[in-house]
C-alpha atoms as a PDB file:
ATOM      1  CA  UNK A   1     160.810 381.709  38.297  1.00  0.00           C
ATOM      2  CA  UNK A   2     163.752 383.682  37.669  1.00  0.00           C
ATOM      3  CA  UNK A   3     166.828 382.499  36.612  1.00  0.00           C
ATOM      4  CA  UNK A   4     169.738 385.096  37.625  1.00  0.00           C
ATOM      5  CA  UNK A   5     173.696 384.076  36.963  1.00  0.00           C
ATOM      6  CA  UNK A   6     173.581 381.983  34.924  1.00  0.00           C
ATOM      7  CA  UNK A   7     175.748 380.350  32.380  1.00  0.00           C
ATOM      8  CA  UNK A   8     176.573 379.620  28.490  1.00  0.00           C
ATOM      9  CA  UNK A   9     173.993 378.412  26.554  1.00  0.00           C
ATOM     10  CA  UNK A  10     173.770 374.502  25.762  1.00  0.00           C
ATOM     11  CA  UNK A  11     172.833 373.029  22.397  1.00  0.00           C
ATOM     12  CA  UNK A  12     171.743 369.705  22.046  1.00  0.00           C
ATOM     13  CA  UNK A  13     174.988 368.151  20.970  1.00  0.00           C
ATOM     14  CA  UNK A  14     176.122 369.816  25.069  1.00  0.00           C
ATOM     15  CA  UNK A  15     173.508 367.720  26.033  1.00  0.00           C
ATOM     16  CA  UNK A  16     173.944 364.527  24.473  1.00  0.00           C
ATOM     17  CA  UNK A  17     177.445 365.023  25.539  1.00  0.00           C
ATOM     18  CA  UNK A  18     176.677 364.948  29.029  1.00  0.00           C
ATOM     19  CA  UNK A  19     174.500 362.027  29.101  1.00  0.00           C
ATOM     20  CA  UNK A  20     177.567 359.772  26.998  1.00  0.00           C
ATOM     21  CA  UNK A  21     179.678 360.805  30.302  1.00  0.00           C
ATOM     22  CA  UNK A  22     177.048 360.481  32.352  1.00  0.00           C
ATOM     23  CA  UNK A  23     175.791 356.917  30.868  1.00  0.00           C
ATOM     24  CA  UNK A  24     172.373 358.552  31.623  1.00  0.00           C
ATOM     25  CA  UNK A  25     169.269 359.644  29.919  1.00  0.00           C
ATOM     26  CA  UNK A  26     168.451 363.281  31.908  1.00  0.00           C
ATOM     27  CA  UNK A  27     164.568 363.741  32.326  1.00  0.00           C
ATOM     28  CA  UNK A  28     163.103 366.070  29.717  1.00  0.00           C
ATOM     29  CA  UNK A  29     162.233 368.545  32.309  1.00  0.00           C
ATOM     30  CA  UNK A  30     165.825 368.755  33.310  1.00  0.00           C
ATOM     31  CA  UNK A  31     167.180 368.707  29.908  1.00  0.00           C
ATOM     32  CA  UNK A  32     164.809 371.351  28.850  1.00  0.00           C
ATOM     33  CA  UNK A  33     166.110 373.863  31.812  1.00  0.00           C
ATOM     34  CA  UNK A  34     170.101 373.087  31.130  1.00  0.00           C
ATOM     35  CA  UNK A  35     169.464 374.343  27.099  1.00  0.00           C
ATOM     36  CA  UNK A  36     167.371 377.244  28.507  1.00  0.00           C
ATOM     37  CA  UNK A  37     169.914 378.218  31.355  1.00  0.00           C
ATOM     38  CA  UNK A  38     172.280 376.119  32.325  1.00  0.00           C
ATOM     39  CA  UNK A  39     172.424 376.188  36.165  1.00  0.00           C
ATOM     40  CA  UNK A  40     172.318 379.483  37.865  1.00  0.00           C
ATOM     41  CA  UNK A  41     170.422 380.811  41.001  1.00  0.00           C
ATOM     42  CA  UNK A  42     166.610 380.828  41.376  1.00  0.00           C
ATOM     43  CA  UNK A  43     164.269 383.201  42.786  1.00  0.00           C
ATOM     44  CA  UNK A  44     162.486 382.446  44.300  1.00  0.00           C
ATOM     45  CA  UNK A  45     164.745 379.797  46.225  1.00  0.00           C
ATOM     46  CA  UNK A  46     162.868 378.236  49.162  1.00  0.00           C
ATOM     47  CA  UNK A  47     161.647 375.130  49.497  1.00  0.00           C
ATOM     48  CA  UNK A  48     159.398 373.472  51.343  1.00  0.00           C
ATOM     49  CA  UNK A  49     158.399 369.779  52.658  1.00  0.00           C
ATOM     50  CA  UNK A  50     154.914 368.680  53.383  1.00  0.00           C
ATOM     51  CA  UNK A  51     153.933 372.210  53.898  1.00  0.00           C
ATOM     52  CA  UNK A  52     156.771 373.398  55.672  1.00  0.00           C
ATOM     53  CA  UNK A  53     160.236 375.064  55.155  1.00  0.00           C
ATOM     54  CA  UNK A  54     163.083 373.211  54.320  1.00  0.00           C
ATOM     55  CA  UNK A  55     165.957 374.830  52.804  1.00  0.00           C
ATOM     56  CA  UNK A  56     166.751 377.372  50.198  1.00  0.00           C
ATOM     57  CA  UNK A  57     168.088 376.119  46.592  1.00  0.00           C
ATOM     58  CA  UNK A  58     171.726 378.537  46.426  1.00  0.00           C
ATOM     59  CA  UNK A  59     172.452 376.807  42.820  1.00  0.00           C
ATOM     60  CA  UNK A  60     171.488 374.568  40.272  1.00  0.00           C
ATOM     61  CA  UNK A  61     174.750 373.296  38.662  1.00  0.00           C
ATOM     62  CA  UNK A  62     175.893 374.213  35.614  1.00  0.00           C
ATOM     63  CA  UNK A  63     177.931 372.088  32.596  1.00  0.00           C
ATOM     64  CA  UNK A  64     180.355 374.040  32.305  1.00  0.00           C
ATOM     65  CA  UNK A  65     183.085 371.128  31.725  1.00  0.00           C
ATOM     66  CA  UNK A  66     185.831 372.505  33.831  1.00  0.00           C
ATOM     67  CA  UNK A  67     186.313 372.316  37.688  1.00  0.00           C
ATOM     68  CA  UNK A  68     184.246 374.688  39.139  1.00  0.00           C
ATOM     69  CA  UNK A  69     182.551 374.582  42.223  1.00  0.00           C
ATOM     70  CA  UNK A  70     178.765 374.572  40.515  1.00  0.00           C
ATOM     71  CA  UNK A  71     179.840 372.334  37.583  1.00  0.00           C
ATOM     72  CA  UNK A  72     177.400 369.594  37.196  1.00  0.00           C
ATOM     73  CA  UNK A  73     179.769 366.833  36.226  1.00  0.00           C
ATOM     74  CA  UNK A  74     182.325 367.626  38.849  1.00  0.00           C
ATOM     75  CA  UNK A  75     179.851 367.792  41.433  1.00  0.00           C
ATOM     76  CA  UNK A  76     178.020 364.002  39.809  1.00  0.00           C
ATOM     77  CA  UNK A  77     181.646 363.026  40.389  1.00  0.00           C
ATOM     78  CA  UNK A  78     181.798 364.375  43.716  1.00  0.00           C
ATOM     79  CA  UNK A  79     179.127 362.987  45.599  1.00  0.00           C
ATOM     80  CA  UNK A  80     179.704 359.217  43.899  1.00  0.00           C
ATOM     81  CA  UNK A  81     180.743 357.983  47.142  1.00  0.00           C
ATOM     82  CA  UNK A  82     178.010 359.388  49.572  1.00  0.00           C
ATOM     83  CA  UNK A  83     174.967 359.110  46.750  1.00  0.00           C
ATOM     84  CA  UNK A  84     173.594 356.233  45.280  1.00  0.00           C
ATOM     85  CA  UNK A  85     173.845 355.580  41.599  1.00  0.00           C
ATOM     86  CA  UNK A  86     170.522 356.573  40.851  1.00  0.00           C
ATOM     87  CA  UNK A  87     170.253 359.540  41.926  1.00  0.00           C
ATOM     88  CA  UNK A  88     172.156 362.744  39.998  1.00  0.00           C
ATOM     89  CA  UNK A  89     172.877 365.906  41.974  1.00  0.00           C
ATOM     90  CA  UNK A  90     171.440 368.797  39.919  1.00  0.00           C
ATOM     91  CA  UNK A  91     171.632 371.575  42.790  1.00  0.00           C
ATOM     92  CA  UNK A  92     172.781 372.606  45.990  1.00  0.00           C
ATOM     93  CA  UNK A  93     171.567 374.530  49.248  1.00  0.00           C
ATOM     94  CA  UNK A  94     173.570 377.129  51.562  1.00  0.00           C
ATOM     95  CA  UNK A  95     174.202 374.387  53.423  1.00  0.00           C
ATOM     96  CA  UNK A  96     175.930 371.443  51.986  1.00  0.00           C
ATOM     97  CA  UNK A  97     172.812 369.939  51.369  1.00  0.00           C
ATOM     98  CA  UNK A  98     171.798 368.614  47.481  1.00  0.00           C
ATOM     99  CA  UNK A  99     168.866 368.259  44.947  1.00  0.00           C
ATOM    100  CA  UNK A 100     168.516 364.759  43.320  1.00  0.00           C
ATOM    101  CA  UNK A 101     166.859 363.840  40.278  1.00  0.00           C
ATOM    102  CA  UNK A 102     165.994 360.360  40.711  1.00  0.00           C
ATOM    103  CA  UNK A 103     167.143 358.340  37.650  1.00  0.00           C
ATOM    104  CA  UNK A 104     164.959 355.285  38.376  1.00  0.00           C
ATOM    105  CA  UNK A 105     163.021 353.468  35.435  1.00  0.00           C
ATOM    106  CA  UNK A 106     159.415 354.092  38.043  1.00  0.00           C
ATOM    107  CA  UNK A 107     159.798 357.687  38.872  1.00  0.00           C
ATOM    108  CA  UNK A 108     162.806 358.862  36.299  1.00  0.00           C
ATOM    109  CA  UNK A 109     162.863 362.944  37.202  1.00  0.00           C
ATOM    110  CA  UNK A 110     161.506 362.612  40.630  1.00  0.00           C
ATOM    111  CA  UNK A 111     163.744 365.412  42.895  1.00  0.00           C
ATOM    112  CA  UNK A 112     165.116 364.272  46.372  1.00  0.00           C
ATOM    113  CA  UNK A 113     166.626 365.767  48.527  1.00  0.00           C
ATOM    114  CA  UNK A 114     169.956 364.636  50.242  1.00  0.00           C
ATOM    115  CA  UNK A 115     170.678 365.440  53.705  1.00  0.00           C
ATOM    116  CA  UNK A 116     173.850 365.669  54.360  1.00  0.00           C
ATOM    117  CA  UNK A 117     173.870 365.488  57.848  1.00  0.00           C
ATOM    118  CA  UNK A 118     172.447 361.872  58.250  1.00  0.00           C
ATOM    119  CA  UNK A 119     174.573 360.857  55.060  1.00  0.00           C
ATOM    120  CA  UNK A 120     176.575 357.066  55.735  1.00  0.00           C
ATOM    121  CA  UNK A 121     180.264 358.554  55.406  1.00  0.00           C
ATOM    122  CA  UNK A 122     181.580 355.025  56.756  1.00  0.00           C
ATOM    123  CA  UNK A 123     180.402 352.621  53.741  1.00  0.00           C
ATOM    124  CA  UNK A 124     178.255 352.579  51.095  1.00  0.00           C
ATOM    125  CA  UNK A 125     175.245 355.412  50.550  1.00  0.00           C
ATOM    126  CA  UNK A 126     171.870 354.679  51.432  1.00  0.00           C
ATOM    127  CA  UNK A 127     168.191 355.486  50.859  1.00  0.00           C
ATOM    128  CA  UNK A 128     167.786 356.828  55.360  1.00  0.00           C
ATOM    129  CA  UNK A 129     169.134 360.787  53.927  1.00  0.00           C
ATOM    130  CA  UNK A 130     166.604 360.662  50.908  1.00  0.00           C
ATOM    131  CA  UNK A 131     163.833 363.041  51.080  1.00  0.00           C
ATOM    132  CA  UNK A 132     161.057 362.669  47.946  1.00  0.00           C
ATOM    133  CA  UNK A 133     159.864 366.929  47.409  1.00  0.00           C
ATOM    134  CA  UNK A 134     158.162 366.365  43.900  1.00  0.00           C
ATOM    135  CA  UNK A 135     157.503 364.179  41.475  1.00  0.00           C
ATOM    136  CA  UNK A 136     159.177 366.524  38.953  1.00  0.00           C
ATOM    137  CA  UNK A 137     161.380 368.827  38.090  1.00  0.00           C
ATOM    138  CA  UNK A 138     158.970 371.294  36.918  1.00  0.00           C
ATOM    139  CA  UNK A 139     157.053 370.306  40.037  1.00  0.00           C
ATOM    140  CA  UNK A 140     160.058 371.141  41.802  1.00  0.00           C
ATOM    141  CA  UNK A 141     160.786 374.566  40.405  1.00  0.00           C
ATOM    142  CA  UNK A 142     157.022 375.823  40.221  1.00  0.00           C
ATOM    143  CA  UNK A 143     156.942 374.800  44.230  1.00  0.00           C
ATOM    144  CA  UNK A 144     159.648 377.411  45.105  1.00  0.00           C
ATOM    145  CA  UNK A 145     158.724 380.676  47.353  1.00  0.00           C
ATOM    146  CA  UNK A 146     159.733 383.352  48.630  1.00  0.00           C
ATOM    147  CA  UNK A 147     160.400 382.781  52.153  1.00  0.00           C
ATOM    148  CA  UNK A 148     159.968 385.572  54.413  1.00  0.00           C
END
C-alpha cells in the first residue's frame, strides 16, 4: 500500500497526547501507521467484505490538532453521538461511511465499517450498522485492492 497526501510526521509524545485526549490506548499497529504516515489517501483504496466489493477508503484521518475535516480528534467528537464509545473512527469512505477500530478488550484493533444509512440517528448508537472487516489494522490495509 502506498499513502499519498499525508501530513507532518508525528512523534511519540504526539501519540501520547492523542491517547490522553481520547482516554484510550491506540492499537499498536495503528500507532505505527500514525507515526509513519499521519493520515492520507491509500493506493489501492478498495475494500472487500466477504469477497465482494464494499466501498473505498477516501482518506485516513490525520492528527492535525485542528478543526480540519480530516482531523482524527474532530471526527471522534463529531461521531460520538452516532458511534459507540468502544469504536474509534480512523478513516472515511467517499459516501460518508466510517472505518473504525474496536477498542473492546477481546478484539482490540479489529476493523469495523460503520454504515451511515443504517445508523440510529434517533437514539443511542447501536451495533446493527457495524460490519467487521478485519481482525487487525494491518490485515485491513493489506486487503485493500484496486477496483477496476
